[in-house]
Protein backbone atom coordinates (compact mmCIF):
# COMPACT_ATOMS: atom_id res chain seq x y z
CA MET A 1 23.97 2.54 -3.40
CA ASN A 2 25.84 0.94 -6.26
CA LEU A 3 23.62 0.35 -9.27
CA SER A 4 26.39 0.17 -11.99
CA ASP A 5 26.09 -3.66 -11.91
CA PRO A 6 23.42 -5.39 -13.51
CA ASN A 7 22.12 -7.47 -10.74
CA ASN A 8 22.06 -4.75 -8.32
CA LEU A 9 19.97 -2.70 -10.68
CA LEU A 10 17.83 -5.72 -10.70
CA ILE A 11 17.28 -6.17 -7.04
CA ALA A 12 16.51 -2.41 -6.63
CA GLY A 13 13.93 -2.88 -9.67
CA VAL A 14 12.46 -5.67 -7.81
CA TYR A 15 12.14 -4.02 -5.08
CA TYR A 16 10.45 -0.73 -6.14
CA VAL A 17 8.23 -2.93 -8.17
CA ILE A 18 7.26 -5.11 -4.86
CA THR A 19 6.96 -1.47 -2.67
CA GLY A 20 4.54 0.14 -5.33
CA GLY A 21 2.34 -2.79 -4.95
CA LEU A 22 2.27 -2.79 -1.48
CA VAL A 23 1.66 0.93 -1.57
CA LEU A 24 -1.32 0.29 -3.75
CA PHE A 25 -2.89 -2.39 -1.78
CA SER A 26 -2.36 -0.14 1.21
CA LEU A 27 -4.09 3.06 -0.32
CA PHE A 28 -7.04 0.69 -1.03
CA GLY A 29 -7.29 -0.67 2.31
CA ILE A 30 -7.36 2.60 3.84
CA TYR A 31 -9.99 3.91 1.46
CA VAL A 32 -12.22 0.87 2.18
CA LEU A 33 -11.66 1.54 5.70
CA LEU A 34 -12.40 5.16 5.36
CA ARG A 35 -15.41 4.65 3.03
CA TYR A 36 -17.09 1.63 4.78
CA GLY A 37 -15.89 1.72 8.69
CA LYS A 38 -18.46 2.44 11.11
CA SER A 39 -16.90 5.70 12.70
CA THR A 40 -15.07 8.01 10.54
CA LEU A 41 -13.06 9.37 13.40
CA LEU A 42 -12.00 5.83 14.43
CA ALA A 43 -11.36 4.83 10.98
CA PHE A 44 -9.26 7.92 10.40
CA ALA A 45 -7.22 7.42 13.52
CA VAL A 46 -6.56 3.95 12.45
CA SER A 47 -5.44 4.91 9.15
CA VAL A 48 -3.21 7.49 10.19
CA PHE A 49 -1.20 5.28 12.75
CA TYR A 50 -1.15 2.18 9.69
CA ALA A 51 0.91 4.91 7.94
CA PHE A 52 3.05 5.64 10.28
CA ILE A 53 4.00 2.31 10.89
CA PHE A 54 4.17 1.41 6.69
CA LEU A 55 6.59 4.31 6.82
CA ALA A 56 8.69 3.60 9.43
CA ILE A 57 8.72 -0.45 7.85
CA LEU A 58 9.40 1.22 4.57
CA SER A 59 12.51 3.13 5.72
CA GLN A 60 13.90 0.36 7.29
CA SER A 61 13.53 -1.85 4.25
CA TYR A 62 15.00 1.09 2.14
CA GLN A 63 18.07 1.05 4.54
CA SER A 64 18.27 -2.69 4.22
CA LEU A 65 18.40 -2.53 0.50
CA VAL A 66 21.25 0.38 0.26
CA ALA A 67 23.37 -1.90 3.15
CA LEU A 68 22.78 -4.74 0.67
CA LEU A 69 23.93 -2.67 -2.50
CA GLN A 70 26.94 -1.28 -1.22
């Protein structure tokens, strides 16, 4: 990733800010699901499934960012 260009640095910064916001909202959503869900086991299973999907999306978006900034 070439971050010597100010435009690339700005794009990477915006990506990380948006990603950080999504992580915080996701953590809050998982907390609400675990805290107020009817079945703890089902809520935990849904949370783990969501975490794997979220990590897959983050890795793909990071690969896109790296490809964009090269």
